[in-house]
mmCIF file of all heavy atoms, coordinates in Angstrom:
data_MODEL
# 
_entry.id   MODEL 
# 
loop_
_atom_site.group_PDB 
_atom_site.id 
_atom_site.type_symbol 
_atom_site.label_atom_id 
_atom_site.label_alt_id 
_atom_site.label_comp_id 
_atom_site.label_asym_id 
_atom_site.label_entity_id 
_atom_site.label_seq_id 
_atom_site.pdbx_PDB_ins_code 
_atom_site.Cartn_x 
_atom_site.Cartn_y 
_atom_site.Cartn_z 
_atom_site.occupancy 
_atom_site.B_iso_or_equiv 
_atom_site.pdbx_formal_charge 
_atom_site.auth_seq_id 
_atom_site.auth_comp_id 
_atom_site.auth_asym_id 
_atom_site.auth_atom_id 
_atom_site.pdbx_PDB_model_num 
ATOM 1   N N   . ILE A 1 1  ? 66.764 40.326 49.990 1.00 0.00 ? 1  ILE A N   1 
ATOM 2   C CA  . ILE A 1 1  ? 65.867 39.204 49.687 1.00 0.00 ? 1  ILE A CA  1 
ATOM 3   C C   . ILE A 1 1  ? 64.590 39.431 50.485 1.00 0.00 ? 1  ILE A C   1 
ATOM 4   O O   . ILE A 1 1  ? 64.628 39.588 51.715 1.00 0.00 ? 1  ILE A O   1 
ATOM 5   C CB  . ILE A 1 1  ? 66.517 37.861 50.080 1.00 0.00 ? 1  ILE A CB  1 
ATOM 6   C CG1 . ILE A 1 1  ? 67.850 37.689 49.330 1.00 0.00 ? 1  ILE A CG1 1 
ATOM 7   C CG2 . ILE A 1 1  ? 65.575 36.693 49.782 1.00 0.00 ? 1  ILE A CG2 1 
ATOM 8   C CD1 . ILE A 1 1  ? 68.736 36.618 49.928 1.00 0.00 ? 1  ILE A CD1 1 
ATOM 9   N N   . LEU A 1 2  ? 63.450 39.435 49.791 1.00 0.00 ? 2  LEU A N   1 
ATOM 10  C CA  . LEU A 1 2  ? 62.196 39.837 50.422 1.00 0.00 ? 2  LEU A CA  1 
ATOM 11  C C   . LEU A 1 2  ? 61.145 38.728 50.328 1.00 0.00 ? 2  LEU A C   1 
ATOM 12  O O   . LEU A 1 2  ? 60.523 38.538 49.273 1.00 0.00 ? 2  LEU A O   1 
ATOM 13  C CB  . LEU A 1 2  ? 61.671 41.111 49.740 1.00 0.00 ? 2  LEU A CB  1 
ATOM 14  C CG  . LEU A 1 2  ? 60.429 41.764 50.329 1.00 0.00 ? 2  LEU A CG  1 
ATOM 15  C CD1 . LEU A 1 2  ? 60.672 42.207 51.778 1.00 0.00 ? 2  LEU A CD1 1 
ATOM 16  C CD2 . LEU A 1 2  ? 59.994 42.950 49.472 1.00 0.00 ? 2  LEU A CD2 1 
ATOM 17  N N   . PRO A 1 3  ? 60.920 37.971 51.417 1.00 0.00 ? 3  PRO A N   1 
ATOM 18  C CA  . PRO A 1 3  ? 59.835 36.986 51.416 1.00 0.00 ? 3  PRO A CA  1 
ATOM 19  C C   . PRO A 1 3  ? 58.489 37.675 51.199 1.00 0.00 ? 3  PRO A C   1 
ATOM 20  O O   . PRO A 1 3  ? 58.250 38.786 51.708 1.00 0.00 ? 3  PRO A O   1 
ATOM 21  C CB  . PRO A 1 3  ? 59.922 36.359 52.817 1.00 0.00 ? 3  PRO A CB  1 
ATOM 22  C CG  . PRO A 1 3  ? 61.341 36.595 53.248 1.00 0.00 ? 3  PRO A CG  1 
ATOM 23  C CD  . PRO A 1 3  ? 61.698 37.926 52.670 1.00 0.00 ? 3  PRO A CD  1 
ATOM 24  N N   . GLU A 1 4  ? 57.608 37.026 50.461 1.00 0.00 ? 4  GLU A N   1 
ATOM 25  C CA  . GLU A 1 4  ? 56.359 37.671 50.074 1.00 0.00 ? 4  GLU A CA  1 
ATOM 26  C C   . GLU A 1 4  ? 55.471 37.991 51.285 1.00 0.00 ? 4  GLU A C   1 
ATOM 27  O O   . GLU A 1 4  ? 54.806 39.033 51.306 1.00 0.00 ? 4  GLU A O   1 
ATOM 28  C CB  . GLU A 1 4  ? 55.603 36.788 49.073 1.00 0.00 ? 4  GLU A CB  1 
ATOM 29  C CG  . GLU A 1 4  ? 54.270 37.349 48.592 1.00 0.00 ? 4  GLU A CG  1 
ATOM 30  C CD  . GLU A 1 4  ? 54.363 38.698 47.874 1.00 0.00 ? 4  GLU A CD  1 
ATOM 31  O OE1 . GLU A 1 4  ? 55.487 39.124 47.543 1.00 0.00 ? 4  GLU A OE1 1 
ATOM 32  O OE2 . GLU A 1 4  ? 53.309 39.311 47.655 1.00 0.00 ? 4  GLU A OE2 1 
ATOM 33  N N   . ASP A 1 5  ? 55.470 37.154 52.315 1.00 0.00 ? 5  ASP A N   1 
ATOM 34  C CA  . ASP A 1 5  ? 54.613 37.450 53.467 1.00 0.00 ? 5  ASP A CA  1 
ATOM 35  C C   . ASP A 1 5  ? 55.131 38.659 54.247 1.00 0.00 ? 5  ASP A C   1 
ATOM 36  O O   . ASP A 1 5  ? 54.343 39.406 54.834 1.00 0.00 ? 5  ASP A O   1 
ATOM 37  C CB  . ASP A 1 5  ? 54.472 36.238 54.380 1.00 0.00 ? 5  ASP A CB  1 
ATOM 38  C CG  . ASP A 1 5  ? 55.798 35.722 54.908 1.00 0.00 ? 5  ASP A CG  1 
ATOM 39  O OD1 . ASP A 1 5  ? 56.808 35.801 54.169 1.00 0.00 ? 5  ASP A OD1 1 
ATOM 40  O OD2 . ASP A 1 5  ? 55.841 35.229 56.048 1.00 0.00 ? 5  ASP A OD2 1 
ATOM 41  N N   . VAL A 1 6  ? 56.436 38.875 54.249 1.00 0.00 ? 6  VAL A N   1 
ATOM 42  C CA  . VAL A 1 6  ? 56.983 40.070 54.890 1.00 0.00 ? 6  VAL A CA  1 
ATOM 43  C C   . VAL A 1 6  ? 56.609 41.301 54.071 1.00 0.00 ? 6  VAL A C   1 
ATOM 44  O O   . VAL A 1 6  ? 56.236 42.349 54.621 1.00 0.00 ? 6  VAL A O   1 
ATOM 45  C CB  . VAL A 1 6  ? 58.507 39.968 55.049 1.00 0.00 ? 6  VAL A CB  1 
ATOM 46  C CG1 . VAL A 1 6  ? 59.088 41.253 55.638 1.00 0.00 ? 6  VAL A CG1 1 
ATOM 47  C CG2 . VAL A 1 6  ? 58.877 38.780 55.920 1.00 0.00 ? 6  VAL A CG2 1 
ATOM 48  N N   . ALA A 1 7  ? 56.701 41.184 52.759 1.00 0.00 ? 7  ALA A N   1 
ATOM 49  C CA  . ALA A 1 7  ? 56.392 42.312 51.890 1.00 0.00 ? 7  ALA A CA  1 
ATOM 50  C C   . ALA A 1 7  ? 54.947 42.768 52.041 1.00 0.00 ? 7  ALA A C   1 
ATOM 51  O O   . ALA A 1 7  ? 54.648 43.967 51.978 1.00 0.00 ? 7  ALA A O   1 
ATOM 52  C CB  . ALA A 1 7  ? 56.664 41.939 50.437 1.00 0.00 ? 7  ALA A CB  1 
ATOM 53  N N   . MET A 1 8  ? 54.019 41.807 52.270 1.00 0.00 ? 8  MET A N   1 
ATOM 54  C CA  . MET A 1 8  ? 52.609 42.174 52.351 1.00 0.00 ? 8  MET A CA  1 
ATOM 55  C C   . MET A 1 8  ? 52.171 42.563 53.771 1.00 0.00 ? 8  MET A C   1 
ATOM 56  O O   . MET A 1 8  ? 51.087 43.094 53.959 1.00 0.00 ? 8  MET A O   1 
ATOM 57  C CB  . MET A 1 8  ? 51.736 41.030 51.834 1.00 0.00 ? 8  MET A CB  1 
ATOM 58  C CG  . MET A 1 8  ? 51.733 39.789 52.697 1.00 0.00 ? 8  MET A CG  1 
ATOM 59  S SD  . MET A 1 8  ? 50.568 38.509 52.131 1.00 0.00 ? 8  MET A SD  1 
ATOM 60  C CE  . MET A 1 8  ? 51.192 38.153 50.503 1.00 0.00 ? 8  MET A CE  1 
ATOM 61  N N   . ALA A 1 9  ? 53.033 42.323 54.755 1.00 0.00 ? 9  ALA A N   1 
ATOM 62  C CA  . ALA A 1 9  ? 52.687 42.648 56.134 1.00 0.00 ? 9  ALA A CA  1 
ATOM 63  C C   . ALA A 1 9  ? 52.696 44.156 56.351 1.00 0.00 ? 9  ALA A C   1 
ATOM 64  O O   . ALA A 1 9  ? 53.351 44.911 55.631 1.00 0.00 ? 9  ALA A O   1 
ATOM 65  C CB  . ALA A 1 9  ? 53.662 41.976 57.095 1.00 0.00 ? 9  ALA A CB  1 
ATOM 66  N N   . GLU A 1 10 ? 51.989 44.600 57.372 1.00 0.00 ? 10 GLU A N   1 
ATOM 67  C CA  . GLU A 1 10 ? 51.926 46.022 57.694 1.00 0.00 ? 10 GLU A CA  1 
ATOM 68  C C   . GLU A 1 10 ? 53.321 46.563 57.983 1.00 0.00 ? 10 GLU A C   1 
ATOM 69  O O   . GLU A 1 10 ? 54.127 45.942 58.677 1.00 0.00 ? 10 GLU A O   1 
ATOM 70  C CB  . GLU A 1 10 ? 51.012 46.241 58.898 1.00 0.00 ? 10 GLU A CB  1 
ATOM 71  C CG  . GLU A 1 10 ? 50.812 47.707 59.248 1.00 0.00 ? 10 GLU A CG  1 
ATOM 72  C CD  . GLU A 1 10 ? 49.844 47.892 60.419 1.00 0.00 ? 10 GLU A CD  1 
ATOM 73  O OE1 . GLU A 1 10 ? 48.933 47.045 60.578 1.00 0.00 ? 10 GLU A OE1 1 
ATOM 74  O OE2 . GLU A 1 10 ? 50.012 48.877 61.165 1.00 0.00 ? 10 GLU A OE2 1 
ATOM 75  N N   . ALA A 1 11 ? 53.594 47.722 57.440 1.00 0.00 ? 11 ALA A N   1 
ATOM 76  C CA  . ALA A 1 11 ? 54.918 48.320 57.607 1.00 0.00 ? 11 ALA A CA  1 
ATOM 77  C C   . ALA A 1 11 ? 55.173 48.706 59.062 1.00 0.00 ? 11 ALA A C   1 
ATOM 78  O O   . ALA A 1 11 ? 54.241 49.082 59.791 1.00 0.00 ? 11 ALA A O   1 
ATOM 79  C CB  . ALA A 1 11 ? 55.048 49.544 56.722 1.00 0.00 ? 11 ALA A CB  1 
ATOM 80  N N   . GLU A 1 12 ? 56.441 48.611 59.448 1.00 0.00 ? 12 GLU A N   1 
ATOM 81  C CA  . GLU A 1 12 ? 56.875 49.072 60.774 1.00 0.00 ? 12 GLU A CA  1 
ATOM 82  C C   . GLU A 1 12 ? 58.049 50.026 60.560 1.00 0.00 ? 12 GLU A C   1 
ATOM 83  O O   . GLU A 1 12 ? 59.215 49.630 60.643 1.00 0.00 ? 12 GLU A O   1 
ATOM 84  C CB  . GLU A 1 12 ? 57.292 47.888 61.649 1.00 0.00 ? 12 GLU A CB  1 
ATOM 85  C CG  . GLU A 1 12 ? 56.148 46.937 61.984 1.00 0.00 ? 12 GLU A CG  1 
ATOM 86  C CD  . GLU A 1 12 ? 56.578 45.832 62.936 1.00 0.00 ? 12 GLU A CD  1 
ATOM 87  O OE1 . GLU A 1 12 ? 57.274 46.142 63.931 1.00 0.00 ? 12 GLU A OE1 1 
ATOM 88  O OE2 . GLU A 1 12 ? 56.242 44.666 62.670 1.00 0.00 ? 12 GLU A OE2 1 
ATOM 89  N N   . PRO A 1 13 ? 57.766 51.292 60.297 1.00 0.00 ? 13 PRO A N   1 
ATOM 90  C CA  . PRO A 1 13 ? 58.828 52.241 59.968 1.00 0.00 ? 13 PRO A CA  1 
ATOM 91  C C   . PRO A 1 13 ? 59.823 52.477 61.101 1.00 0.00 ? 13 PRO A C   1 
ATOM 92  O O   . PRO A 1 13 ? 60.974 52.818 60.843 1.00 0.00 ? 13 PRO A O   1 
ATOM 93  C CB  . PRO A 1 13 ? 58.062 53.530 59.651 1.00 0.00 ? 13 PRO A CB  1 
ATOM 94  C CG  . PRO A 1 13 ? 56.662 53.091 59.360 1.00 0.00 ? 13 PRO A CG  1 
ATOM 95  C CD  . PRO A 1 13 ? 56.433 51.896 60.197 1.00 0.00 ? 13 PRO A CD  1 
ATOM 96  N N   . SER A 1 14 ? 59.373 52.297 62.334 1.00 0.00 ? 14 SER A N   1 
ATOM 97  C CA  . SER A 1 14 ? 60.267 52.554 63.466 1.00 0.00 ? 14 SER A CA  1 
ATOM 98  C C   . SER A 1 14 ? 60.210 51.377 64.423 1.00 0.00 ? 14 SER A C   1 
ATOM 99  O O   . SER A 1 14 ? 59.119 50.935 64.813 1.00 0.00 ? 14 SER A O   1 
ATOM 100 C CB  . SER A 1 14 ? 59.853 53.837 64.184 1.00 0.00 ? 14 SER A CB  1 
ATOM 101 O OG  . SER A 1 14 ? 60.774 54.164 65.196 1.00 0.00 ? 14 SER A OG  1 
ATOM 102 N N   . PRO A 1 15 ? 61.355 50.828 64.791 1.00 0.00 ? 15 PRO A N   1 
ATOM 103 C CA  . PRO A 1 15 ? 61.358 49.676 65.702 1.00 0.00 ? 15 PRO A CA  1 
ATOM 104 C C   . PRO A 1 15 ? 61.028 50.079 67.137 1.00 0.00 ? 15 PRO A C   1 
ATOM 105 O O   . PRO A 1 15 ? 61.157 51.256 67.512 1.00 0.00 ? 15 PRO A O   1 
ATOM 106 C CB  . PRO A 1 15 ? 62.805 49.169 65.595 1.00 0.00 ? 15 PRO A CB  1 
ATOM 107 C CG  . PRO A 1 15 ? 63.595 50.376 65.239 1.00 0.00 ? 15 PRO A CG  1 
ATOM 108 C CD  . PRO A 1 15 ? 62.710 51.220 64.388 1.00 0.00 ? 15 PRO A CD  1 
ATOM 109 N N   . PRO A 1 16 ? 60.611 49.139 67.954 1.00 0.00 ? 16 PRO A N   1 
ATOM 110 C CA  . PRO A 1 16 ? 60.386 49.446 69.376 1.00 0.00 ? 16 PRO A CA  1 
ATOM 111 C C   . PRO A 1 16 ? 61.716 49.776 70.049 1.00 0.00 ? 16 PRO A C   1 
ATOM 112 O O   . PRO A 1 16 ? 62.770 49.283 69.660 1.00 0.00 ? 16 PRO A O   1 
ATOM 113 C CB  . PRO A 1 16 ? 59.793 48.148 69.929 1.00 0.00 ? 16 PRO A CB  1 
ATOM 114 C CG  . PRO A 1 16 ? 60.272 47.086 68.997 1.00 0.00 ? 16 PRO A CG  1 
ATOM 115 C CD  . PRO A 1 16 ? 60.351 47.725 67.655 1.00 0.00 ? 16 PRO A CD  1 
ATOM 116 N N   . ARG A 1 17 ? 61.646 50.646 71.064 1.00 0.00 ? 17 ARG A N   1 
ATOM 117 C CA  . ARG A 1 17 ? 62.874 51.040 71.752 1.00 0.00 ? 17 ARG A CA  1 
ATOM 118 C C   . ARG A 1 17 ? 63.250 49.945 72.754 1.00 0.00 ? 17 ARG A C   1 
ATOM 119 O O   . ARG A 1 17 ? 62.783 49.906 73.892 1.00 0.00 ? 17 ARG A O   1 
ATOM 120 C CB  . ARG A 1 17 ? 62.673 52.378 72.463 1.00 0.00 ? 17 ARG A CB  1 
ATOM 121 C CG  . ARG A 1 17 ? 63.963 52.939 73.049 1.00 0.00 ? 17 ARG A CG  1 
ATOM 122 C CD  . ARG A 1 17 ? 63.786 54.371 73.528 1.00 0.00 ? 17 ARG A CD  1 
ATOM 123 N NE  . ARG A 1 17 ? 65.002 54.856 74.152 1.00 0.00 ? 17 ARG A NE  1 
ATOM 124 C CZ  . ARG A 1 17 ? 66.066 55.322 73.502 1.00 0.00 ? 17 ARG A CZ  1 
ATOM 125 N NH1 . ARG A 1 17 ? 66.042 55.344 72.177 1.00 0.00 ? 17 ARG A NH1 1 
ATOM 126 N NH2 . ARG A 1 17 ? 67.123 55.754 74.154 1.00 0.00 ? 17 ARG A NH2 1 
ATOM 127 N N   . MET A 1 18 ? 64.095 49.052 72.291 1.00 0.00 ? 18 MET A N   1 
ATOM 128 C CA  . MET A 1 18 ? 64.483 47.921 73.121 1.00 0.00 ? 18 MET A CA  1 
ATOM 129 C C   . MET A 1 18 ? 65.843 47.415 72.644 1.00 0.00 ? 18 MET A C   1 
ATOM 130 O O   . MET A 1 18 ? 66.335 47.802 71.575 1.00 0.00 ? 18 MET A O   1 
ATOM 131 C CB  . MET A 1 18 ? 63.440 46.807 73.032 1.00 0.00 ? 18 MET A CB  1 
ATOM 132 C CG  . MET A 1 18 ? 63.216 46.294 71.605 1.00 0.00 ? 18 MET A CG  1 
ATOM 133 S SD  . MET A 1 18 ? 61.927 45.041 71.472 1.00 0.00 ? 18 MET A SD  1 
ATOM 134 C CE  . MET A 1 18 ? 62.713 43.687 72.332 1.00 0.00 ? 18 MET A CE  1 
ATOM 135 N N   . HIS A 1 19 ? 66.445 46.553 73.415 1.00 0.00 ? 19 HIS A N   1 
ATOM 136 C CA  . HIS A 1 19 ? 67.741 45.988 73.051 1.00 0.00 ? 19 HIS A CA  1 
ATOM 137 C C   . HIS A 1 19 ? 67.632 45.233 71.716 1.00 0.00 ? 19 HIS A C   1 
ATOM 138 O O   . HIS A 1 19 ? 66.725 44.426 71.522 1.00 0.00 ? 19 HIS A O   1 
ATOM 139 C CB  . HIS A 1 19 ? 68.211 45.016 74.137 1.00 0.00 ? 19 HIS A CB  1 
ATOM 140 C CG  . HIS A 1 19 ? 69.537 44.387 73.834 1.00 0.00 ? 19 HIS A CG  1 
ATOM 141 N ND1 . HIS A 1 19 ? 70.709 45.090 73.838 1.00 0.00 ? 19 HIS A ND1 1 
ATOM 142 C CD2 . HIS A 1 19 ? 69.867 43.112 73.469 1.00 0.00 ? 19 HIS A CD2 1 
ATOM 143 C CE1 . HIS A 1 19 ? 71.708 44.291 73.516 1.00 0.00 ? 19 HIS A CE1 1 
ATOM 144 N NE2 . HIS A 1 19 ? 71.217 43.083 73.289 1.00 0.00 ? 19 HIS A NE2 1 
ATOM 145 N N   . GLY A 1 20 ? 68.547 45.517 70.824 1.00 0.00 ? 20 GLY A N   1 
ATOM 146 C CA  . GLY A 1 20 ? 68.543 44.878 69.506 1.00 0.00 ? 20 GLY A CA  1 
ATOM 147 C C   . GLY A 1 20 ? 67.901 45.718 68.429 1.00 0.00 ? 20 GLY A C   1 
ATOM 148 O O   . GLY A 1 20 ? 68.055 45.411 67.243 1.00 0.00 ? 20 GLY A O   1 
ATOM 149 N N   . ALA A 1 21 ? 67.201 46.771 68.795 1.00 0.00 ? 21 ALA A N   1 
ATOM 150 C CA  . ALA A 1 21 ? 66.574 47.641 67.797 1.00 0.00 ? 21 ALA A CA  1 
ATOM 151 C C   . ALA A 1 21 ? 67.642 48.453 67.068 1.00 0.00 ? 21 ALA A C   1 
ATOM 152 O O   . ALA A 1 21 ? 68.677 48.811 67.636 1.00 0.00 ? 21 ALA A O   1 
ATOM 153 C CB  . ALA A 1 21 ? 65.564 48.566 68.457 1.00 0.00 ? 21 ALA A CB  1 
ATOM 154 N N   . VAL A 1 22 ? 67.378 48.735 65.786 1.00 0.00 ? 22 VAL A N   1 
ATOM 155 C CA  . VAL A 1 22 ? 68.316 49.503 64.966 1.00 0.00 ? 22 VAL A CA  1 
ATOM 156 C C   . VAL A 1 22 ? 67.578 50.704 64.388 1.00 0.00 ? 22 VAL A C   1 
ATOM 157 O O   . VAL A 1 22 ? 66.535 50.559 63.761 1.00 0.00 ? 22 VAL A O   1 
ATOM 158 C CB  . VAL A 1 22 ? 68.882 48.634 63.818 1.00 0.00 ? 22 VAL A CB  1 
ATOM 159 C CG1 . VAL A 1 22 ? 69.792 49.459 62.921 1.00 0.00 ? 22 VAL A CG1 1 
ATOM 160 C CG2 . VAL A 1 22 ? 69.632 47.433 64.386 1.00 0.00 ? 22 VAL A CG2 1 
ATOM 161 N N   . PHE A 1 23 ? 68.141 51.903 64.585 1.00 0.00 ? 23 PHE A N   1 
ATOM 162 C CA  . PHE A 1 23 ? 67.532 53.135 64.105 1.00 0.00 ? 23 PHE A CA  1 
ATOM 163 C C   . PHE A 1 23 ? 68.466 53.761 63.058 1.00 0.00 ? 23 PHE A C   1 
ATOM 164 O O   . PHE A 1 23 ? 69.326 54.578 63.377 1.00 0.00 ? 23 PHE A O   1 
ATOM 165 C CB  . PHE A 1 23 ? 67.293 54.111 65.267 1.00 0.00 ? 23 PHE A CB  1 
ATOM 166 C CG  . PHE A 1 23 ? 66.297 53.612 66.271 1.00 0.00 ? 23 PHE A CG  1 
ATOM 167 C CD1 . PHE A 1 23 ? 66.689 52.756 67.304 1.00 0.00 ? 23 PHE A CD1 1 
ATOM 168 C CD2 . PHE A 1 23 ? 64.954 53.973 66.183 1.00 0.00 ? 23 PHE A CD2 1 
ATOM 169 C CE1 . PHE A 1 23 ? 65.770 52.293 68.228 1.00 0.00 ? 23 PHE A CE1 1 
ATOM 170 C CE2 . PHE A 1 23 ? 64.034 53.501 67.112 1.00 0.00 ? 23 PHE A CE2 1 
ATOM 171 C CZ  . PHE A 1 23 ? 64.434 52.653 68.131 1.00 0.00 ? 23 PHE A CZ  1 
ATOM 172 N N   . SER A 1 24 ? 68.306 53.358 61.814 1.00 0.00 ? 24 SER A N   1 
ATOM 173 C CA  . SER A 1 24 ? 69.199 53.816 60.748 1.00 0.00 ? 24 SER A CA  1 
ATOM 174 C C   . SER A 1 24 ? 68.636 55.070 60.086 1.00 0.00 ? 24 SER A C   1 
ATOM 175 O O   . SER A 1 24 ? 67.486 55.458 60.301 1.00 0.00 ? 24 SER A O   1 
ATOM 176 C CB  . SER A 1 24 ? 69.403 52.719 59.714 1.00 0.00 ? 24 SER A CB  1 
ATOM 177 O OG  . SER A 1 24 ? 68.170 52.404 59.086 1.00 0.00 ? 24 SER A OG  1 
ATOM 178 N N   . SER A 1 25 ? 69.452 55.690 59.228 1.00 0.00 ? 25 SER A N   1 
ATOM 179 C CA  . SER A 1 25 ? 69.036 56.931 58.580 1.00 0.00 ? 25 SER A CA  1 
ATOM 180 C C   . SER A 1 25 ? 69.458 56.938 57.116 1.00 0.00 ? 25 SER A C   1 
ATOM 181 O O   . SER A 1 25 ? 70.357 56.209 56.700 1.00 0.00 ? 25 SER A O   1 
ATOM 182 C CB  . SER A 1 25 ? 69.645 58.139 59.293 1.00 0.00 ? 25 SER A CB  1 
ATOM 183 O OG  . SER A 1 25 ? 71.061 58.083 59.251 1.00 0.00 ? 25 SER A OG  1 
ATOM 184 N N   . VAL A 1 26 ? 68.802 57.793 56.350 1.00 0.00 ? 26 VAL A N   1 
ATOM 185 C CA  . VAL A 1 26 ? 69.141 58.013 54.950 1.00 0.00 ? 26 VAL A CA  1 
ATOM 186 C C   . VAL A 1 26 ? 70.265 59.041 54.885 1.00 0.00 ? 26 VAL A C   1 
ATOM 187 O O   . VAL A 1 26 ? 70.251 60.043 55.594 1.00 0.00 ? 26 VAL A O   1 
ATOM 188 C CB  . VAL A 1 26 ? 67.914 58.521 54.170 1.00 0.00 ? 26 VAL A CB  1 
ATOM 189 C CG1 . VAL A 1 26 ? 68.294 58.927 52.753 1.00 0.00 ? 26 VAL A CG1 1 
ATOM 190 C CG2 . VAL A 1 26 ? 66.824 57.457 54.156 1.00 0.00 ? 26 VAL A CG2 1 
ATOM 191 N N   . GLY A 1 27 ? 71.246 58.790 54.030 1.00 0.00 ? 27 GLY A N   1 
ATOM 192 C CA  . GLY A 1 27 ? 72.309 59.772 53.842 1.00 0.00 ? 27 GLY A CA  1 
ATOM 193 C C   . GLY A 1 27 ? 73.673 59.142 53.761 1.00 0.00 ? 27 GLY A C   1 
ATOM 194 O O   . GLY A 1 27 ? 73.988 58.198 54.492 1.00 0.00 ? 27 GLY A O   1 
ATOM 195 N N   . TRP A 1 28 ? 74.471 59.656 52.850 1.00 0.00 ? 28 TRP A N   1 
ATOM 196 C CA  . TRP A 1 28 ? 75.844 59.167 52.658 1.00 0.00 ? 28 TRP A CA  1 
ATOM 197 C C   . TRP A 1 28 ? 76.623 60.237 51.934 1.00 0.00 ? 28 TRP A C   1 
ATOM 198 O O   . TRP A 1 28 ? 76.100 60.934 51.066 1.00 0.00 ? 28 TRP A O   1 
ATOM 199 C CB  . TRP A 1 28 ? 75.829 57.875 51.835 1.00 0.00 ? 28 TRP A CB  1 
ATOM 200 C CG  . TRP A 1 28 ? 77.195 57.325 51.506 1.00 0.00 ? 28 TRP A CG  1 
ATOM 201 C CD1 . TRP A 1 28 ? 77.966 56.535 52.278 1.00 0.00 ? 28 TRP A CD1 1 
ATOM 202 C CD2 . TRP A 1 28 ? 77.936 57.536 50.291 1.00 0.00 ? 28 TRP A CD2 1 
ATOM 203 N NE1 . TRP A 1 28 ? 79.137 56.225 51.647 1.00 0.00 ? 28 TRP A NE1 1 
ATOM 204 C CE2 . TRP A 1 28 ? 79.154 56.829 50.421 1.00 0.00 ? 28 TRP A CE2 1 
ATOM 205 C CE3 . TRP A 1 28 ? 77.700 58.256 49.125 1.00 0.00 ? 28 TRP A CE3 1 
ATOM 206 C CZ2 . TRP A 1 28 ? 80.121 56.818 49.425 1.00 0.00 ? 28 TRP A CZ2 1 
ATOM 207 C CZ3 . TRP A 1 28 ? 78.671 58.248 48.129 1.00 0.00 ? 28 TRP A CZ3 1 
ATOM 208 C CH2 . TRP A 1 28 ? 79.851 57.527 48.281 1.00 0.00 ? 28 TRP A CH2 1 
# 
């Protein structure tokens, strides 16, 4: 589910290195 203001916001491809950050990958 994608709120429109999130969709139009600047992308953040990589989260900050901090507690709670998730670094996922493509592949299965």
